[in-house]
């Protein structure tokens, strides 16, 4: 089994935004020929006074300017932090809009 790149390890960490906890149960990055990637997460979403929900979310990532960060054995710490922040913001936006925004609904499915 190949060891994960530092960016993948960092992106696979659970995090909290506001009162919502995103428990990362699994994560993989699929690299495509055009240098885009798809980040697929298996998440357990926790919110106060609610049962945890299990989801799989496939985030398409076409921004090729972060390919170096995703593949480097020693990415620039500032760029890695920026990538992680962007991806977490996308996951939070997906969570907040999945009920009424068609594009958001397409990337996730409840397990």
Protein backbone atom coordinates (compact mmCIF):
# COMPACT_ATOMS: atom_id res chain seq x y z
CA UNK A 1 0.00 0.00 0.00
CA UNK A 2 1.35 3.43 -0.95
CA UNK A 3 1.84 5.99 1.77
CA UNK A 4 -0.42 9.01 1.50
CA UNK A 5 1.04 12.33 0.41
CA UNK A 6 1.15 15.00 3.15
CA UNK A 7 -1.70 16.94 1.53
CA UNK A 8 -3.91 13.86 1.48
CA UNK A 9 -3.14 13.15 5.13
CA UNK A 10 -4.02 16.73 6.06
CA UNK A 11 -7.21 16.75 3.96
CA UNK A 12 -8.29 13.49 5.63
CA UNK A 13 -8.42 15.01 9.11
CA UNK A 14 -11.76 15.60 10.82
CA UNK A 15 -12.71 19.19 11.60
CA UNK A 16 -15.39 21.37 13.16
CA UNK A 17 -17.05 24.44 11.66
CA UNK A 18 -19.41 26.28 13.97
CA UNK A 19 -21.50 23.64 15.71
CA UNK A 20 -21.06 21.06 12.93
CA UNK A 21 -18.44 18.34 13.24
CA UNK A 22 -17.18 16.72 10.01
CA UNK A 23 -15.78 13.32 11.00
CA UNK A 24 -13.71 12.04 8.10
CA UNK A 25 -14.19 8.26 8.05
CA UNK A 26 -12.40 7.82 4.74
CA UNK A 27 -10.93 9.92 1.97
CA UNK A 28 -9.31 9.32 -1.38
CA UNK A 29 -7.99 11.50 -4.16
CA UNK A 30 -8.40 10.33 -7.75
CA UNK A 31 -6.01 12.06 -10.17
CA UNK A 32 -7.25 12.47 -13.75
CA UNK A 33 -5.32 12.78 -17.02
CA UNK A 34 -6.19 16.47 -17.37
CA UNK A 35 -4.51 17.07 -13.95
CA UNK A 36 -7.83 17.67 -12.22
CA UNK A 37 -8.75 15.55 -9.21
CA UNK A 38 -11.82 14.23 -7.45
CA UNK A 39 -11.71 14.15 -3.66
CA UNK A 40 -14.11 11.57 -2.30
CA UNK A 41 -14.98 11.77 1.37
CA UNK A 42 -16.89 9.41 3.64
CA UNK A 43 -18.18 11.65 6.39
CA UNK A 44 -20.03 11.36 9.64
CA UNK A 45 -21.73 14.70 10.24
CA UNK A 46 -22.50 15.59 13.85
CA UNK A 47 -24.71 18.44 14.98
CA UNK A 48 -25.99 19.20 18.48
CA UNK A 49 -29.08 17.20 19.49
CA UNK A 50 -29.17 15.26 16.19
CA UNK A 51 -28.08 11.78 15.21
CA UNK A 52 -24.87 11.58 13.23
CA UNK A 53 -25.51 11.33 9.48
CA UNK A 54 -23.27 9.28 7.17
CA UNK A 55 -22.50 10.73 3.73
CA UNK A 56 -20.25 10.17 0.76
CA UNK A 57 -19.23 13.37 -1.02
CA UNK A 58 -17.25 13.53 -4.29
CA UNK A 59 -15.77 16.99 -4.78
CA UNK A 60 -14.51 17.68 -8.29
CA UNK A 61 -11.40 19.85 -8.16
CA UNK A 62 -10.38 21.40 -11.46
CA UNK A 63 -7.95 23.98 -10.06
CA UNK A 64 -4.65 22.73 -11.46
CA UNK A 65 -2.67 25.33 -9.52
CA UNK A 66 -2.73 23.01 -6.49
CA UNK A 67 -1.45 19.86 -8.25
CA UNK A 68 2.01 20.49 -6.82
CA UNK A 69 0.59 20.67 -3.30
CA UNK A 70 -1.42 17.47 -3.75
CA UNK A 71 1.52 15.46 -5.09
CA UNK A 72 4.54 16.89 -3.29
CA UNK A 73 6.28 14.90 -0.55
CA UNK A 74 6.99 18.27 1.13
CA UNK A 75 4.43 20.89 0.04
CA UNK A 76 4.80 24.55 0.94
CA UNK A 77 3.07 24.86 4.34
CA UNK A 78 1.23 28.07 3.42
CA UNK A 79 -0.16 26.61 0.19
CA UNK A 80 -1.12 23.39 1.98
CA UNK A 81 -2.99 25.38 4.63
CA UNK A 82 -4.76 27.34 1.87
CA UNK A 83 -5.80 24.14 0.06
CA UNK A 84 -7.11 22.54 3.26
CA UNK A 85 -9.07 25.68 4.11
CA UNK A 86 -10.60 25.84 0.62
CA UNK A 87 -11.63 22.18 0.62
CA UNK A 88 -13.12 22.40 4.10
CA UNK A 89 -15.07 25.49 3.04
CA UNK A 90 -16.41 23.56 0.05
CA UNK A 91 -17.51 20.72 2.33
CA UNK A 92 -19.20 23.17 4.67
CA UNK A 93 -20.92 24.92 1.75
CA UNK A 94 -22.08 21.55 0.40
CA UNK A 95 -23.53 20.65 3.80
CA UNK A 96 -25.37 23.96 4.13
CA UNK A 97 -26.79 23.98 0.58
CA UNK A 98 -27.39 20.32 -0.32
CA UNK A 99 -31.09 20.53 0.52
CA UNK A 100 -31.94 23.22 -2.02
CA UNK A 101 -29.03 23.71 -4.43
CA UNK A 102 -29.02 21.18 -7.26
CA UNK A 103 -25.25 21.18 -7.90
CA UNK A 104 -24.54 20.63 -4.21
CA UNK A 105 -27.06 17.80 -4.03
CA UNK A 106 -25.35 15.99 -6.94
CA UNK A 107 -21.97 15.63 -5.22
CA UNK A 108 -23.22 13.91 -2.08
CA UNK A 109 -25.26 10.87 -1.20
CA UNK A 110 -26.50 9.74 2.17
CA UNK A 111 -25.32 6.31 3.25
